[in-house]
């Protein structure tokens, strides 16, 4: 199982963007959270693409 480090790309009043890097420092996943709408997108940066795209409660 790989361990991922979170790299916060941006965090402002509207959104938070986080990249998740594997042990070799390669970015494998991207998380985009729209704060006011509680909308989360999780994207695999390889061929898998969009993993999750919904409002969280």
N, C-alpha and C. Protein backbone atom coordinates (compact mmCIF):
# COMPACT_ATOMS: atom_id res chain seq x y z
N UNK A 1 0.85 -1.18 0.00
CA UNK A 1 0.00 0.00 0.00
C UNK A 1 0.89 1.23 0.00
N UNK A 2 0.58 2.14 -0.88
CA UNK A 2 1.36 3.38 -0.98
C UNK A 2 0.90 4.39 0.06
N UNK A 3 1.83 5.21 0.46
CA UNK A 3 1.54 6.32 1.35
C UNK A 3 1.56 7.59 0.54
N UNK A 4 0.58 8.44 0.74
CA UNK A 4 0.49 9.68 -0.01
C UNK A 4 0.72 10.88 0.89
N UNK A 5 1.42 11.86 0.36
CA UNK A 5 1.60 13.14 1.03
C UNK A 5 0.67 14.14 0.37
N UNK A 6 0.00 14.94 1.19
CA UNK A 6 -0.92 15.95 0.68
C UNK A 6 -0.17 17.26 0.46
N UNK A 7 -0.30 17.83 -0.72
CA UNK A 7 0.31 19.11 -1.08
C UNK A 7 -0.82 20.08 -1.40
N UNK A 8 -1.11 21.01 -0.47
CA UNK A 8 -2.18 21.97 -0.67
C UNK A 8 -1.72 22.99 -1.70
N UNK A 9 -2.32 22.92 -2.89
CA UNK A 9 -1.98 23.82 -3.99
C UNK A 9 -2.57 25.20 -3.75
N UNK A 10 -3.82 25.27 -3.32
CA UNK A 10 -4.46 26.54 -3.00
C UNK A 10 -5.57 26.30 -1.99
N UNK A 11 -5.79 27.30 -1.16
CA UNK A 11 -6.86 27.24 -0.16
C UNK A 11 -7.32 28.67 0.08
N UNK A 12 -8.44 29.01 -0.54
CA UNK A 12 -8.96 30.36 -0.38
C UNK A 12 -10.40 30.29 0.12
N UNK A 13 -11.11 31.40 0.11
CA UNK A 13 -12.49 31.42 0.64
C UNK A 13 -13.43 30.52 -0.14
N UNK A 14 -13.18 30.29 -1.43
CA UNK A 14 -14.11 29.52 -2.25
C UNK A 14 -13.76 28.07 -2.44
N UNK A 15 -12.48 27.77 -2.65
CA UNK A 15 -12.09 26.40 -2.98
C UNK A 15 -10.79 26.00 -2.29
N UNK A 16 -10.59 24.69 -2.23
CA UNK A 16 -9.33 24.13 -1.75
C UNK A 16 -8.90 23.06 -2.75
N UNK A 17 -7.67 23.16 -3.24
CA UNK A 17 -7.14 22.20 -4.20
C UNK A 17 -5.95 21.51 -3.54
N UNK A 18 -6.00 20.18 -3.53
CA UNK A 18 -4.93 19.39 -2.92
C UNK A 18 -4.47 18.35 -3.92
N UNK A 19 -3.15 18.22 -4.06
CA UNK A 19 -2.56 17.14 -4.85
C UNK A 19 -2.01 16.10 -3.88
N UNK A 20 -2.19 14.84 -4.21
CA UNK A 20 -1.67 13.75 -3.40
C UNK A 20 -0.53 13.09 -4.16
N UNK A 21 0.64 13.10 -3.53
CA UNK A 21 1.86 12.59 -4.16
C UNK A 21 2.25 11.26 -3.55
N UNK A 22 2.72 10.34 -4.40
CA UNK A 22 3.17 9.04 -3.91
C UNK A 22 4.57 9.16 -3.31
N UNK A 23 5.14 8.05 -2.92
CA UNK A 23 6.45 8.03 -2.25
C UNK A 23 7.57 8.56 -3.14
N UNK A 24 7.39 8.51 -4.47
CA UNK A 24 8.40 9.01 -5.40
C UNK A 24 8.20 10.48 -5.72
N UNK A 25 7.19 11.12 -5.13
CA UNK A 25 6.92 12.53 -5.37
C UNK A 25 6.06 12.81 -6.58
N UNK A 26 5.52 11.74 -7.20
CA UNK A 26 4.67 11.91 -8.37
C UNK A 26 3.24 12.19 -7.92
N UNK A 27 2.60 13.19 -8.53
CA UNK A 27 1.22 13.52 -8.22
C UNK A 27 0.30 12.48 -8.85
N UNK A 28 -0.46 11.76 -8.00
CA UNK A 28 -1.35 10.71 -8.47
C UNK A 28 -2.81 11.12 -8.45
N UNK A 29 -3.19 11.97 -7.50
CA UNK A 29 -4.58 12.37 -7.35
C UNK A 29 -4.69 13.86 -7.10
N UNK A 30 -5.86 14.41 -7.50
CA UNK A 30 -6.16 15.81 -7.26
C UNK A 30 -7.54 15.89 -6.63
N UNK A 31 -7.65 16.68 -5.57
CA UNK A 31 -8.91 16.90 -4.88
C UNK A 31 -9.27 18.38 -5.02
N UNK A 32 -10.53 18.64 -5.43
CA UNK A 32 -11.03 20.00 -5.52
C UNK A 32 -12.30 20.07 -4.68
N UNK A 33 -12.28 20.95 -3.68
CA UNK A 33 -13.41 21.10 -2.78
C UNK A 33 -13.95 22.51 -2.89
N UNK A 34 -15.22 22.64 -3.27
CA UNK A 34 -15.90 23.93 -3.32
C UNK A 34 -16.61 24.10 -1.97
N UNK A 35 -16.10 25.01 -1.17
CA UNK A 35 -16.50 25.10 0.23
C UNK A 35 -17.97 25.44 0.44
N UNK A 36 -18.48 26.47 -0.20
CA UNK A 36 -19.85 26.91 0.04
C UNK A 36 -20.88 25.85 -0.35
N UNK A 37 -20.58 25.10 -1.40
CA UNK A 37 -21.51 24.08 -1.89
C UNK A 37 -21.22 22.70 -1.32
N UNK A 38 -20.12 22.54 -0.56
CA UNK A 38 -19.68 21.23 -0.05
C UNK A 38 -19.54 20.22 -1.18
N UNK A 39 -19.04 20.67 -2.31
CA UNK A 39 -18.89 19.82 -3.50
C UNK A 39 -17.44 19.36 -3.60
N UNK A 40 -17.26 18.05 -3.71
CA UNK A 40 -15.93 17.46 -3.77
C UNK A 40 -15.74 16.72 -5.08
N UNK A 41 -14.60 16.98 -5.73
CA UNK A 41 -14.20 16.20 -6.90
C UNK A 41 -12.86 15.57 -6.57
N UNK A 42 -12.74 14.29 -6.88
CA UNK A 42 -11.49 13.57 -6.72
C UNK A 42 -11.13 13.00 -8.08
N UNK A 43 -9.94 13.34 -8.55
CA UNK A 43 -9.52 12.96 -9.89
C UNK A 43 -8.22 12.19 -9.82
N UNK A 44 -8.18 11.05 -10.50
CA UNK A 44 -6.94 10.30 -10.67
C UNK A 44 -6.21 10.92 -11.85
N UNK A 45 -4.94 11.22 -11.68
CA UNK A 45 -4.20 11.91 -12.73
C UNK A 45 -3.60 10.95 -13.76
N UNK A 46 -3.90 9.66 -13.62
CA UNK A 46 -3.51 8.72 -14.67
C UNK A 46 -4.71 8.50 -15.59
N UNK A 47 -4.85 7.38 -16.18
CA UNK A 47 -5.92 7.13 -17.15
C UNK A 47 -7.29 6.94 -16.53
N UNK A 48 -7.39 6.81 -15.21
CA UNK A 48 -8.68 6.57 -14.57
C UNK A 48 -9.59 7.79 -14.58
N UNK A 49 -9.03 8.98 -14.50
CA UNK A 49 -9.82 10.21 -14.56
C UNK A 49 -10.66 10.43 -13.31
N UNK A 50 -11.89 10.90 -13.50
CA UNK A 50 -12.77 11.28 -12.42
C UNK A 50 -13.17 10.08 -11.57
N UNK A 51 -12.94 10.18 -10.26
CA UNK A 51 -13.26 9.11 -9.33
C UNK A 51 -14.52 9.44 -8.53
N UNK A 52 -14.63 10.70 -8.12
CA UNK A 52 -15.76 11.11 -7.28
C UNK A 52 -16.14 12.53 -7.65
N UNK A 53 -17.45 12.80 -7.75
CA UNK A 53 -17.93 14.13 -8.09
C UNK A 53 -19.33 14.28 -7.51
N UNK A 54 -19.41 14.81 -6.27
CA UNK A 54 -20.71 14.90 -5.61
C UNK A 54 -20.62 15.85 -4.42
N UNK A 55 -21.78 16.20 -3.91
CA UNK A 55 -21.87 17.01 -2.69
C UNK A 55 -21.70 16.07 -1.50
N UNK A 56 -20.91 16.50 -0.54
CA UNK A 56 -20.73 15.71 0.68
C UNK A 56 -21.54 16.34 1.81
N UNK A 57 -22.02 15.50 2.68
CA UNK A 57 -22.86 15.98 3.79
C UNK A 57 -22.07 16.19 5.03
